[in-house]
N, C-alpha and C. Protein backbone atom coordinates (compact mmCIF):
# COMPACT_ATOMS: atom_id res chain seq x y z
N MET A 1 190.11 155.59 165.99
CA MET A 1 188.69 155.44 166.32
C MET A 1 188.25 154.02 166.01
N SER A 2 187.74 153.36 167.04
CA SER A 2 187.32 151.97 166.85
C SER A 2 186.02 151.90 166.08
N GLN A 3 185.90 150.87 165.33
CA GLN A 3 184.69 150.66 164.54
C GLN A 3 183.83 149.58 165.17
N ARG A 4 182.51 149.79 165.14
CA ARG A 4 181.59 148.78 165.66
C ARG A 4 181.50 147.64 164.67
N PRO A 5 181.43 146.41 165.15
CA PRO A 5 181.33 145.27 164.24
C PRO A 5 180.07 145.35 163.42
N ARG A 6 180.18 144.98 162.18
CA ARG A 6 179.04 144.99 161.29
C ARG A 6 178.12 143.80 161.57
N THR A 7 176.83 144.04 161.42
CA THR A 7 175.85 142.97 161.62
C THR A 7 175.55 142.34 160.27
N SER A 8 175.73 141.05 160.17
CA SER A 8 175.49 140.37 158.90
C SER A 8 174.01 140.31 158.60
N PRO A 9 173.64 140.24 157.32
CA PRO A 9 172.21 140.13 156.97
C PRO A 9 171.53 138.93 157.61
N SER A 10 172.27 137.81 157.73
CA SER A 10 171.67 136.60 158.31
C SER A 10 171.31 136.80 159.76
N SER A 11 172.18 137.53 160.50
CA SER A 11 171.88 137.76 161.92
C SER A 11 170.69 138.70 162.09
N LYS A 12 170.55 139.67 161.14
CA LYS A 12 169.38 140.54 161.21
C LYS A 12 168.10 139.76 160.98
N LEU A 13 168.15 138.82 160.02
CA LEU A 13 166.98 137.99 159.77
C LEU A 13 166.65 137.14 160.97
N ALA A 14 167.69 136.59 161.62
CA ALA A 14 167.46 135.75 162.80
C ALA A 14 166.82 136.54 163.92
N ALA A 15 167.23 137.83 164.04
CA ALA A 15 166.69 138.66 165.12
C ALA A 15 165.23 138.99 164.90
N THR A 16 164.83 139.08 163.64
CA THR A 16 163.45 139.46 163.35
C THR A 16 162.55 138.26 163.03
N ALA A 17 163.12 137.07 162.91
CA ALA A 17 162.33 135.89 162.58
C ALA A 17 161.38 135.56 163.72
N PRO A 18 160.18 135.14 163.42
CA PRO A 18 159.23 134.78 164.48
C PRO A 18 159.73 133.58 165.27
N ARG A 19 159.47 133.61 166.58
CA ARG A 19 159.90 132.52 167.44
C ARG A 19 159.03 131.29 167.18
N GLN A 20 159.68 130.15 167.10
CA GLN A 20 158.94 128.91 166.89
C GLN A 20 158.21 128.52 168.17
N PRO A 21 156.97 128.07 168.07
CA PRO A 21 156.25 127.63 169.26
C PRO A 21 156.99 126.49 169.96
N ARG A 22 157.00 126.54 171.28
CA ARG A 22 157.70 125.50 172.04
C ARG A 22 156.88 124.22 172.14
N TYR A 23 155.55 124.37 172.18
CA TYR A 23 154.69 123.23 172.45
C TYR A 23 153.92 122.81 171.19
N VAL A 24 153.55 121.56 171.16
CA VAL A 24 152.77 120.99 170.06
C VAL A 24 151.51 120.36 170.63
N ILE A 25 150.38 120.61 170.00
CA ILE A 25 149.15 119.91 170.36
C ILE A 25 148.67 119.16 169.13
N ARG A 26 148.28 117.93 169.35
CA ARG A 26 147.83 117.08 168.23
C ARG A 26 146.93 115.98 168.76
N PRO A 27 146.14 115.35 167.88
CA PRO A 27 145.37 114.19 168.30
C PRO A 27 146.30 113.04 168.70
N ALA A 28 145.91 112.30 169.71
CA ALA A 28 146.68 111.13 170.12
C ALA A 28 146.45 109.98 169.14
N GLU A 29 147.41 109.08 169.08
CA GLU A 29 147.33 107.91 168.23
C GLU A 29 147.50 106.65 169.09
N ARG A 30 147.12 105.51 168.53
CA ARG A 30 147.30 104.26 169.28
C ARG A 30 148.78 104.03 169.60
N ALA A 31 149.65 104.53 168.71
CA ALA A 31 151.09 104.36 168.94
C ALA A 31 151.57 105.13 170.17
N ASP A 32 150.75 106.05 170.68
CA ASP A 32 151.11 106.82 171.88
C ASP A 32 150.77 106.10 173.17
N TYR A 33 150.21 104.89 173.07
CA TYR A 33 149.69 104.20 174.25
C TYR A 33 150.75 104.06 175.35
N ALA A 34 151.92 103.57 175.01
CA ALA A 34 152.96 103.34 176.03
C ALA A 34 153.38 104.65 176.67
N ALA A 35 153.55 105.70 175.87
CA ALA A 35 153.98 106.99 176.40
C ALA A 35 152.91 107.59 177.32
N VAL A 36 151.63 107.46 176.95
CA VAL A 36 150.54 107.98 177.78
C VAL A 36 150.49 107.22 179.11
N CYS A 37 150.56 105.91 179.06
CA CYS A 37 150.53 105.11 180.29
C CYS A 37 151.71 105.44 181.20
N GLN A 38 152.85 105.75 180.60
CA GLN A 38 154.03 106.09 181.39
C GLN A 38 153.89 107.45 182.07
N ARG A 39 153.22 108.39 181.41
CA ARG A 39 153.12 109.75 181.95
C ARG A 39 151.94 109.95 182.91
N LEU A 40 150.84 109.19 182.72
CA LEU A 40 149.65 109.43 183.53
C LEU A 40 149.91 109.46 185.04
N PRO A 41 150.72 108.55 185.60
CA PRO A 41 150.93 108.59 187.04
C PRO A 41 151.59 109.88 187.53
N HIS A 42 152.18 110.65 186.63
CA HIS A 42 152.87 111.88 187.00
C HIS A 42 152.03 113.12 186.75
N LEU A 43 150.80 112.94 186.29
CA LEU A 43 149.92 114.06 185.97
C LEU A 43 148.77 114.17 186.97
N THR A 44 148.13 115.32 186.99
CA THR A 44 146.98 115.53 187.86
C THR A 44 145.70 115.32 187.06
N HIS A 45 144.76 114.57 187.62
CA HIS A 45 143.49 114.26 186.96
C HIS A 45 142.47 115.32 187.37
N TRP A 46 142.33 116.34 186.53
CA TRP A 46 141.56 117.51 186.94
C TRP A 46 140.07 117.28 186.99
N MET A 47 139.52 116.36 186.23
CA MET A 47 138.07 116.23 186.22
C MET A 47 137.54 115.18 187.19
N GLN A 48 138.40 114.66 188.02
CA GLN A 48 137.95 113.72 189.05
C GLN A 48 138.05 114.39 190.43
N ASP A 49 139.22 114.33 191.04
CA ASP A 49 139.35 114.95 192.35
C ASP A 49 140.44 116.00 192.41
N GLY A 50 141.05 116.31 191.27
CA GLY A 50 142.06 117.36 191.24
C GLY A 50 143.34 116.99 191.95
N THR A 51 143.64 115.69 192.07
CA THR A 51 144.86 115.24 192.71
C THR A 51 145.70 114.44 191.72
N PRO A 52 147.00 114.28 192.02
CA PRO A 52 147.83 113.49 191.12
C PRO A 52 147.30 112.07 190.95
N VAL A 53 147.48 111.53 189.74
CA VAL A 53 147.02 110.17 189.48
C VAL A 53 147.76 109.19 190.38
N GLY A 54 149.08 109.35 190.50
CA GLY A 54 149.88 108.51 191.38
C GLY A 54 150.00 107.08 190.90
N SER A 55 150.22 106.19 191.85
CA SER A 55 150.45 104.79 191.52
C SER A 55 149.16 104.12 191.07
N GLY A 56 149.29 102.97 190.49
CA GLY A 56 148.15 102.24 189.96
C GLY A 56 148.34 101.97 188.49
N SER A 57 147.42 101.24 187.93
CA SER A 57 147.51 100.87 186.53
C SER A 57 146.97 101.99 185.65
N ALA A 58 147.84 102.58 184.82
CA ALA A 58 147.41 103.68 183.95
C ALA A 58 146.40 103.22 182.92
N ASP A 59 146.45 101.93 182.54
CA ASP A 59 145.51 101.48 181.50
C ASP A 59 144.10 101.29 182.04
N GLU A 60 143.86 101.62 183.32
CA GLU A 60 142.51 101.60 183.85
C GLU A 60 141.74 102.88 183.47
N HIS A 61 142.43 103.89 182.99
CA HIS A 61 141.81 105.17 182.67
C HIS A 61 141.17 105.11 181.27
N VAL A 62 139.96 105.66 181.17
CA VAL A 62 139.20 105.57 179.93
C VAL A 62 139.97 106.14 178.75
N ILE A 63 140.73 107.19 178.98
CA ILE A 63 141.43 107.85 177.87
C ILE A 63 142.34 106.89 177.12
N THR A 64 142.91 105.90 177.83
CA THR A 64 143.84 104.98 177.16
C THR A 64 143.13 104.07 176.16
N PHE A 65 141.81 103.87 176.35
CA PHE A 65 141.05 103.04 175.42
C PHE A 65 140.62 103.80 174.18
N LYS A 66 140.70 105.13 174.23
CA LYS A 66 140.18 105.97 173.15
C LYS A 66 141.28 106.54 172.26
N LEU A 67 142.53 106.25 172.54
CA LEU A 67 143.62 106.82 171.77
C LEU A 67 143.46 106.48 170.29
N GLY A 68 143.55 107.50 169.44
CA GLY A 68 143.47 107.29 168.00
C GLY A 68 142.07 107.24 167.45
N GLU A 69 141.04 107.28 168.29
CA GLU A 69 139.67 107.20 167.78
C GLU A 69 139.18 108.55 167.27
N VAL A 70 138.36 108.51 166.23
CA VAL A 70 137.77 109.70 165.62
C VAL A 70 136.27 109.49 165.51
N ASP A 71 135.50 110.50 165.91
CA ASP A 71 134.05 110.41 165.86
C ASP A 71 133.53 111.49 164.91
N ASP A 72 133.07 111.09 163.73
CA ASP A 72 132.51 112.01 162.75
C ASP A 72 133.48 113.16 162.45
N GLY A 73 134.73 112.83 162.22
CA GLY A 73 135.74 113.83 161.88
C GLY A 73 136.36 114.53 163.06
N HIS A 74 135.97 114.17 164.28
CA HIS A 74 136.50 114.83 165.48
C HIS A 74 137.36 113.85 166.28
N PRO A 75 138.66 114.10 166.43
CA PRO A 75 139.52 113.24 167.26
C PRO A 75 139.08 113.31 168.72
N LEU A 76 139.04 112.17 169.39
CA LEU A 76 138.55 112.12 170.76
C LEU A 76 139.64 112.38 171.80
N THR A 77 140.88 112.11 171.48
CA THR A 77 141.95 112.27 172.46
C THR A 77 143.03 113.20 171.92
N TRP A 78 143.59 114.02 172.82
CA TRP A 78 144.54 115.05 172.43
C TRP A 78 145.73 115.06 173.38
N LEU A 79 146.90 115.41 172.83
CA LEU A 79 148.13 115.51 173.61
C LEU A 79 148.72 116.90 173.47
N LEU A 80 149.22 117.44 174.57
CA LEU A 80 150.02 118.66 174.56
C LEU A 80 151.45 118.25 174.88
N LEU A 81 152.34 118.49 173.92
CA LEU A 81 153.71 117.96 174.00
C LEU A 81 154.73 119.08 174.16
N ASP A 82 155.71 118.80 175.00
CA ASP A 82 156.89 119.66 175.17
C ASP A 82 158.07 118.83 174.72
N GLY A 83 158.39 118.91 173.42
CA GLY A 83 159.35 117.95 172.87
C GLY A 83 158.74 116.57 172.93
N PRO A 84 159.44 115.58 173.49
CA PRO A 84 158.88 114.24 173.59
C PRO A 84 158.00 114.04 174.84
N THR A 85 157.95 115.05 175.71
CA THR A 85 157.26 114.90 177.00
C THR A 85 155.79 115.31 176.89
N ILE A 86 154.90 114.45 177.35
CA ILE A 86 153.47 114.75 177.39
C ILE A 86 153.21 115.63 178.61
N ARG A 87 152.79 116.88 178.38
CA ARG A 87 152.50 117.79 179.49
C ARG A 87 151.02 117.76 179.87
N ALA A 88 150.15 117.40 178.93
CA ALA A 88 148.73 117.29 179.22
C ALA A 88 148.09 116.39 178.18
N CYS A 89 147.01 115.72 178.57
CA CYS A 89 146.23 114.92 177.63
C CYS A 89 144.77 115.01 178.04
N ALA A 90 143.90 114.89 177.05
CA ALA A 90 142.48 115.09 177.32
C ALA A 90 141.63 114.19 176.45
N LEU A 91 140.47 113.83 176.99
CA LEU A 91 139.43 113.12 176.26
C LEU A 91 138.33 114.13 175.97
N LEU A 92 138.08 114.39 174.69
CA LEU A 92 137.22 115.49 174.27
C LEU A 92 136.19 114.97 173.28
N ARG A 93 134.92 114.95 173.68
CA ARG A 93 133.87 114.50 172.77
C ARG A 93 133.05 115.69 172.30
N LYS A 94 132.42 115.54 171.15
CA LYS A 94 131.61 116.60 170.56
C LYS A 94 130.16 116.16 170.55
N GLU A 95 129.32 116.87 171.31
CA GLU A 95 127.91 116.51 171.40
C GLU A 95 127.08 117.78 171.56
N ARG A 96 125.78 117.59 171.56
CA ARG A 96 124.85 118.71 171.70
C ARG A 96 125.09 119.44 173.02
N ALA A 97 125.01 120.77 172.97
CA ALA A 97 125.14 121.57 174.18
C ALA A 97 123.89 121.40 175.06
N CYS A 98 124.07 121.58 176.36
CA CYS A 98 122.93 121.55 177.27
C CYS A 98 123.21 122.52 178.41
N ASN A 99 122.15 122.83 179.19
CA ASN A 99 122.35 123.69 180.35
C ASN A 99 122.57 122.85 181.59
N ALA A 100 122.67 123.50 182.75
CA ALA A 100 122.98 122.78 183.98
C ALA A 100 121.85 121.85 184.42
N ASP A 101 120.67 122.01 183.85
CA ASP A 101 119.54 121.12 184.15
C ASP A 101 119.36 120.05 183.07
N PHE A 102 120.40 119.89 182.24
CA PHE A 102 120.45 118.85 181.21
C PHE A 102 119.46 119.08 180.07
N GLN A 103 118.96 120.29 179.94
CA GLN A 103 118.07 120.61 178.83
C GLN A 103 118.89 120.99 177.60
N PRO A 104 118.56 120.42 176.42
CA PRO A 104 119.34 120.72 175.21
C PRO A 104 119.34 122.21 174.89
N GLN A 105 120.49 122.68 174.40
CA GLN A 105 120.66 124.06 174.00
C GLN A 105 121.08 124.11 172.53
N PRO A 106 120.89 125.25 171.87
CA PRO A 106 121.30 125.34 170.45
C PRO A 106 122.79 125.13 170.28
N GLY A 107 123.15 124.45 169.20
CA GLY A 107 124.55 124.28 168.86
C GLY A 107 125.20 123.09 169.54
N MET A 108 126.46 122.90 169.21
CA MET A 108 127.25 121.78 169.73
C MET A 108 128.23 122.29 170.80
N ALA A 109 128.72 121.36 171.59
CA ALA A 109 129.72 121.66 172.61
C ALA A 109 130.84 120.64 172.55
N LEU A 110 132.04 121.07 172.88
CA LEU A 110 133.15 120.15 173.11
C LEU A 110 133.19 119.85 174.60
N TRP A 111 132.95 118.60 174.94
CA TRP A 111 132.87 118.19 176.34
C TRP A 111 134.19 117.55 176.76
N ILE A 112 134.82 118.14 177.76
CA ILE A 112 136.06 117.58 178.29
C ILE A 112 135.70 116.53 179.33
N ASP A 113 135.80 115.27 178.96
CA ASP A 113 135.47 114.19 179.89
C ASP A 113 136.61 113.89 180.84
N ASP A 114 137.83 114.00 180.35
CA ASP A 114 139.01 113.75 181.18
C ASP A 114 140.08 114.76 180.81
N LEU A 115 140.80 115.25 181.81
CA LEU A 115 141.91 116.16 181.56
C LEU A 115 143.01 115.86 182.58
N TYR A 116 144.15 115.45 182.07
CA TYR A 116 145.32 115.16 182.90
C TYR A 116 146.40 116.17 182.53
N ALA A 117 147.01 116.81 183.53
CA ALA A 117 147.98 117.85 183.20
C ALA A 117 149.11 117.90 184.21
N ASP A 118 150.29 118.26 183.71
CA ASP A 118 151.45 118.53 184.53
C ASP A 118 151.17 119.79 185.36
N ASP A 119 151.61 119.81 186.60
CA ASP A 119 151.39 120.98 187.45
C ASP A 119 152.36 122.11 187.17
N LEU A 120 153.38 121.86 186.34
CA LEU A 120 154.32 122.92 186.00
C LEU A 120 153.64 123.96 185.12
N TYR A 121 154.33 125.07 184.91
CA TYR A 121 153.77 126.18 184.15
C TYR A 121 154.40 126.28 182.77
N ALA A 122 153.54 126.50 181.78
CA ALA A 122 154.02 126.80 180.44
C ALA A 122 154.24 128.30 180.34
N GLY A 123 154.88 128.73 179.29
CA GLY A 123 155.08 130.17 179.12
C GLY A 123 155.96 130.40 177.91
N PRO A 124 156.25 131.64 177.59
CA PRO A 124 155.81 132.85 178.31
C PRO A 124 154.66 133.55 177.60
N ASP A 125 153.60 132.85 177.26
CA ASP A 125 152.50 133.50 176.56
C ASP A 125 151.72 134.43 177.48
N ARG A 126 151.90 134.27 178.78
CA ARG A 126 151.29 135.19 179.74
C ARG A 126 152.32 135.49 180.82
N PRO A 127 152.21 136.65 181.49
CA PRO A 127 153.15 136.94 182.58
C PRO A 127 153.14 135.83 183.62
N GLY A 128 154.30 135.27 183.91
CA GLY A 128 154.38 134.21 184.90
C GLY A 128 154.02 132.85 184.36
N GLY A 129 153.67 132.78 183.07
CA GLY A 129 153.31 131.49 182.50
C GLY A 129 151.87 131.12 182.81
N VAL A 130 151.46 129.99 182.30
CA VAL A 130 150.09 129.52 182.51
C VAL A 130 150.17 128.00 182.69
N PRO A 131 149.39 127.43 183.62
CA PRO A 131 149.42 125.98 183.80
C PRO A 131 149.06 125.25 182.51
N PHE A 132 149.61 124.05 182.35
CA PHE A 132 149.39 123.31 181.10
C PHE A 132 147.93 122.95 180.88
N GLY A 133 147.19 122.62 181.94
CA GLY A 133 145.77 122.29 181.77
C GLY A 133 144.99 123.45 181.19
N PRO A 134 145.04 124.64 181.82
CA PRO A 134 144.35 125.79 181.25
C PRO A 134 144.85 126.19 179.87
N LEU A 135 146.15 125.98 179.60
CA LEU A 135 146.66 126.26 178.25
C LEU A 135 145.96 125.37 177.23
N MET A 136 145.73 124.11 177.59
CA MET A 136 145.06 123.19 176.69
C MET A 136 143.60 123.59 176.51
N VAL A 137 142.94 124.02 177.57
CA VAL A 137 141.54 124.43 177.48
C VAL A 137 141.42 125.70 176.65
N ASP A 138 142.38 126.63 176.80
CA ASP A 138 142.39 127.82 175.94
C ASP A 138 142.44 127.39 174.47
N TRP A 139 143.29 126.40 174.19
CA TRP A 139 143.42 125.96 172.80
C TRP A 139 142.13 125.31 172.31
N PHE A 140 141.45 124.55 173.16
CA PHE A 140 140.18 123.94 172.77
C PHE A 140 139.15 125.02 172.40
N ALA A 141 139.13 126.12 173.16
CA ALA A 141 138.20 127.21 172.85
C ALA A 141 138.53 127.82 171.49
N ASP A 142 139.83 127.96 171.19
CA ASP A 142 140.25 128.47 169.90
C ASP A 142 139.93 127.48 168.79
N TYR A 143 140.19 126.22 169.03
CA TYR A 143 139.92 125.14 168.06
C TYR A 143 138.44 125.09 167.72
N ALA A 144 137.58 125.21 168.74
CA ALA A 144 136.13 125.18 168.52
C ALA A 144 135.69 126.33 167.63
N ALA A 145 136.26 127.52 167.86
CA ALA A 145 135.87 128.69 167.08
C ALA A 145 136.51 128.69 165.69
N ARG A 146 137.78 128.35 165.62
CA ARG A 146 138.54 128.47 164.37
C ARG A 146 138.04 127.47 163.33
N TYR A 147 137.67 126.27 163.76
CA TYR A 147 137.26 125.23 162.81
C TYR A 147 135.77 124.93 162.88
N ASP A 148 135.02 125.88 163.49
CA ASP A 148 133.56 125.76 163.55
C ASP A 148 133.15 124.42 164.14
N GLN A 149 133.86 124.01 165.18
CA GLN A 149 133.57 122.73 165.81
C GLN A 149 132.39 122.80 166.77
N ALA A 150 132.29 123.90 167.52
CA ALA A 150 131.26 123.98 168.56
C ALA A 150 131.12 125.42 169.04
N ARG A 151 130.05 125.68 169.77
CA ARG A 151 129.81 127.01 170.35
C ARG A 151 130.36 127.12 171.76
N TRP A 152 130.55 125.96 172.41
CA TRP A 152 130.97 125.97 173.82
C TRP A 152 132.06 124.92 174.06
N VAL A 153 132.85 125.16 175.08
CA VAL A 153 133.73 124.13 175.66
C VAL A 153 133.22 123.91 177.08
N CYS A 154 132.88 122.66 177.41
CA CYS A 154 132.18 122.37 178.67
C CYS A 154 132.84 121.22 179.43
N GLU A 155 132.59 121.22 180.72
CA GLU A 155 133.03 120.12 181.59
C GLU A 155 131.92 119.88 182.62
N TRP A 156 131.78 118.64 183.04
CA TRP A 156 130.92 118.29 184.17
C TRP A 156 131.79 117.80 185.31
N THR A 157 131.40 118.09 186.53
CA THR A 157 132.01 117.46 187.69
C THR A 157 130.96 117.34 188.79
N SER A 158 131.04 116.28 189.54
CA SER A 158 130.11 116.07 190.66
C SER A 158 130.69 116.57 191.98
N VAL A 159 131.91 117.10 191.95
CA VAL A 159 132.58 117.57 193.17
C VAL A 159 132.53 119.09 193.20
N ALA A 160 131.71 119.65 194.11
CA ALA A 160 131.53 121.11 194.15
C ALA A 160 132.85 121.82 194.40
N ARG A 161 133.67 121.28 195.29
CA ARG A 161 134.97 121.89 195.58
C ARG A 161 135.83 121.96 194.34
N LEU A 162 135.78 120.91 193.53
CA LEU A 162 136.58 120.88 192.31
C LEU A 162 136.03 121.87 191.29
N ALA A 163 134.70 121.98 191.20
CA ALA A 163 134.11 122.94 190.27
C ALA A 163 134.55 124.36 190.60
N ASP A 164 134.57 124.70 191.89
CA ASP A 164 134.96 126.04 192.30
C ASP A 164 136.44 126.30 192.04
N ALA A 165 137.24 125.24 192.03
CA ALA A 165 138.67 125.39 191.77
C ALA A 165 138.97 125.39 190.28
N VAL A 166 138.35 124.47 189.55
CA VAL A 166 138.65 124.30 188.13
C VAL A 166 137.99 125.39 187.28
N GLY A 167 136.80 125.84 187.66
CA GLY A 167 136.11 126.85 186.88
C GLY A 167 136.97 128.08 186.61
N PRO A 168 137.40 128.79 187.66
CA PRO A 168 138.27 129.96 187.43
C PRO A 168 139.60 129.58 186.77
N ARG A 169 140.13 128.41 187.10
CA ARG A 169 141.41 127.97 186.54
C ARG A 169 141.31 127.81 185.03
N HIS A 170 140.18 127.32 184.55
CA HIS A 170 139.97 127.07 183.13
C HIS A 170 139.18 128.19 182.44
N GLY A 171 138.97 129.32 183.13
CA GLY A 171 138.26 130.44 182.53
C GLY A 171 136.80 130.14 182.25
N MET A 172 136.17 129.33 183.10
CA MET A 172 134.80 128.88 182.86
C MET A 172 133.84 129.40 183.93
N GLU A 173 132.61 129.66 183.50
CA GLU A 173 131.57 129.94 184.46
C GLU A 173 131.07 128.61 185.04
N VAL A 174 130.61 128.65 186.28
CA VAL A 174 130.14 127.44 186.97
C VAL A 174 128.64 127.56 187.20
N ARG A 175 127.90 126.56 186.74
CA ARG A 175 126.45 126.51 186.93
C ARG A 175 126.11 125.24 187.72
N ARG A 176 125.45 125.41 188.84
CA ARG A 176 125.02 124.26 189.64
C ARG A 176 123.79 123.62 189.00
N SER A 177 123.73 122.30 189.04
CA SER A 177 122.59 121.58 188.49
C SER A 177 121.50 121.44 189.54
N THR A 178 120.26 121.67 189.11
CA THR A 178 119.13 121.51 190.03
C THR A 178 118.74 120.05 190.24
N PRO A 179 118.69 119.22 189.17
CA PRO A 179 118.25 117.83 189.37
C PRO A 179 119.22 116.99 190.18
N CYS A 180 120.50 117.35 190.21
CA CYS A 180 121.48 116.53 190.92
C CYS A 180 122.57 117.43 191.47
N SER A 181 123.61 116.82 192.04
CA SER A 181 124.65 117.61 192.69
C SER A 181 125.80 117.96 191.74
N ALA A 182 125.62 117.75 190.46
CA ALA A 182 126.69 118.03 189.50
C ALA A 182 126.78 119.53 189.22
N SER A 183 127.93 119.92 188.67
CA SER A 183 128.15 121.30 188.26
C SER A 183 128.57 121.31 186.80
N LEU A 184 128.01 122.25 186.04
CA LEU A 184 128.39 122.45 184.64
C LEU A 184 129.37 123.61 184.57
N LEU A 185 130.52 123.36 183.95
CA LEU A 185 131.51 124.39 183.70
C LEU A 185 131.54 124.64 182.20
N ARG A 186 131.50 125.90 181.79
CA ARG A 186 131.48 126.16 180.36
C ARG A 186 132.10 127.51 180.04
N ARG A 187 132.60 127.63 178.81
CA ARG A 187 133.09 128.89 178.29
C ARG A 187 132.79 128.93 176.80
N PRO A 188 132.53 130.09 176.23
CA PRO A 188 132.22 130.16 174.80
C PRO A 188 133.46 129.91 173.94
N ALA A 189 133.24 129.35 172.77
CA ALA A 189 134.32 129.21 171.80
C ALA A 189 134.78 130.61 171.39
N ARG A 190 136.09 130.80 171.34
CA ARG A 190 136.62 132.13 171.00
C ARG A 190 138.04 131.98 170.47
N LEU A 191 138.37 132.76 169.47
CA LEU A 191 139.71 132.73 168.92
C LEU A 191 140.73 133.31 169.90
N HIS A 192 141.88 132.67 169.98
CA HIS A 192 143.00 133.14 170.80
C HIS A 192 144.23 133.21 169.89
N PRO A 193 144.35 134.27 169.09
CA PRO A 193 145.42 134.33 168.09
C PRO A 193 146.83 134.20 168.68
N ARG A 194 147.03 134.69 169.92
CA ARG A 194 148.37 134.65 170.50
C ARG A 194 148.84 133.23 170.82
N LEU A 195 147.91 132.30 170.87
CA LEU A 195 148.31 130.92 171.17
C LEU A 195 149.27 130.38 170.13
N ALA A 196 149.17 130.87 168.90
CA ALA A 196 150.05 130.39 167.83
C ALA A 196 151.51 130.67 168.12
N GLN A 197 151.80 131.64 169.02
CA GLN A 197 153.17 131.92 169.41
C GLN A 197 153.71 130.87 170.37
N THR A 198 152.82 130.17 171.03
CA THR A 198 153.22 129.21 172.07
C THR A 198 152.97 127.77 171.67
N VAL A 199 151.88 127.53 170.96
CA VAL A 199 151.46 126.16 170.64
C VAL A 199 151.32 125.99 169.13
N GLU A 200 151.98 124.97 168.61
CA GLU A 200 151.81 124.60 167.20
C GLU A 200 150.78 123.48 167.12
N ALA A 201 149.73 123.70 166.35
CA ALA A 201 148.68 122.68 166.18
C ALA A 201 149.00 121.81 164.98
N GLN A 202 149.09 120.52 165.21
CA GLN A 202 149.31 119.56 164.12
C GLN A 202 148.00 118.79 163.93
N LEU A 203 147.22 119.23 162.96
CA LEU A 203 145.87 118.72 162.78
C LEU A 203 145.75 117.84 161.56
N PRO A 204 144.96 116.77 161.64
CA PRO A 204 144.74 115.88 160.50
C PRO A 204 143.79 116.51 159.49
N PRO A 205 143.75 116.02 158.27
CA PRO A 205 142.86 116.58 157.25
C PRO A 205 141.39 116.58 157.64
N CYS A 206 140.97 115.60 158.45
CA CYS A 206 139.56 115.54 158.83
C CYS A 206 139.13 116.77 159.64
N VAL A 207 140.10 117.43 160.30
CA VAL A 207 139.80 118.64 161.07
C VAL A 207 139.95 119.87 160.20
N ARG A 208 141.02 119.93 159.42
CA ARG A 208 141.30 121.12 158.62
C ARG A 208 140.31 121.28 157.48
N GLY A 209 139.61 120.19 157.11
CA GLY A 209 138.64 120.26 156.03
C GLY A 209 139.32 120.39 154.68
């Protein structure tokens, strides 16, 4: 009678050990300048026209001037990394919330001024994966709630077609502005505990408190 091979204690521990997150999100630093400029032409600029950045000078983009900057304890630029590869980067400021008519609202908001993302899909935190841009926005909503940063995550765009495309993509409601042709996209800050299985947050002391 043949005997089944014994399972060593170490292999049992390996089988039950939690999976390490594949992706890392962290504030950008000035030392990331060359890497950001190299990757921008290969990413899609979601808050402008929703098309690839393509050729041109990457250092013309506002985000490259803000790398490493912190405003009242809040880092302005963020990177989503897959190993050494930048999959998404964003310019995120923290200011008073407002409605689509630019009237101040209670609480603060994290405003996504720029978002550049790889069109490939991250995963497997959701069936079929999730695009890197929306993955980053999900994390911003968690970050806002977890560290009491803001009540909302918001974006503005003046392109109605882009608002209709980006709103559902980023899990945001779309509000048309009455005074002008802009659209306000917003979603409430909310914890997303499952993100910790996919994304490791490397945060500076100014954020962790």
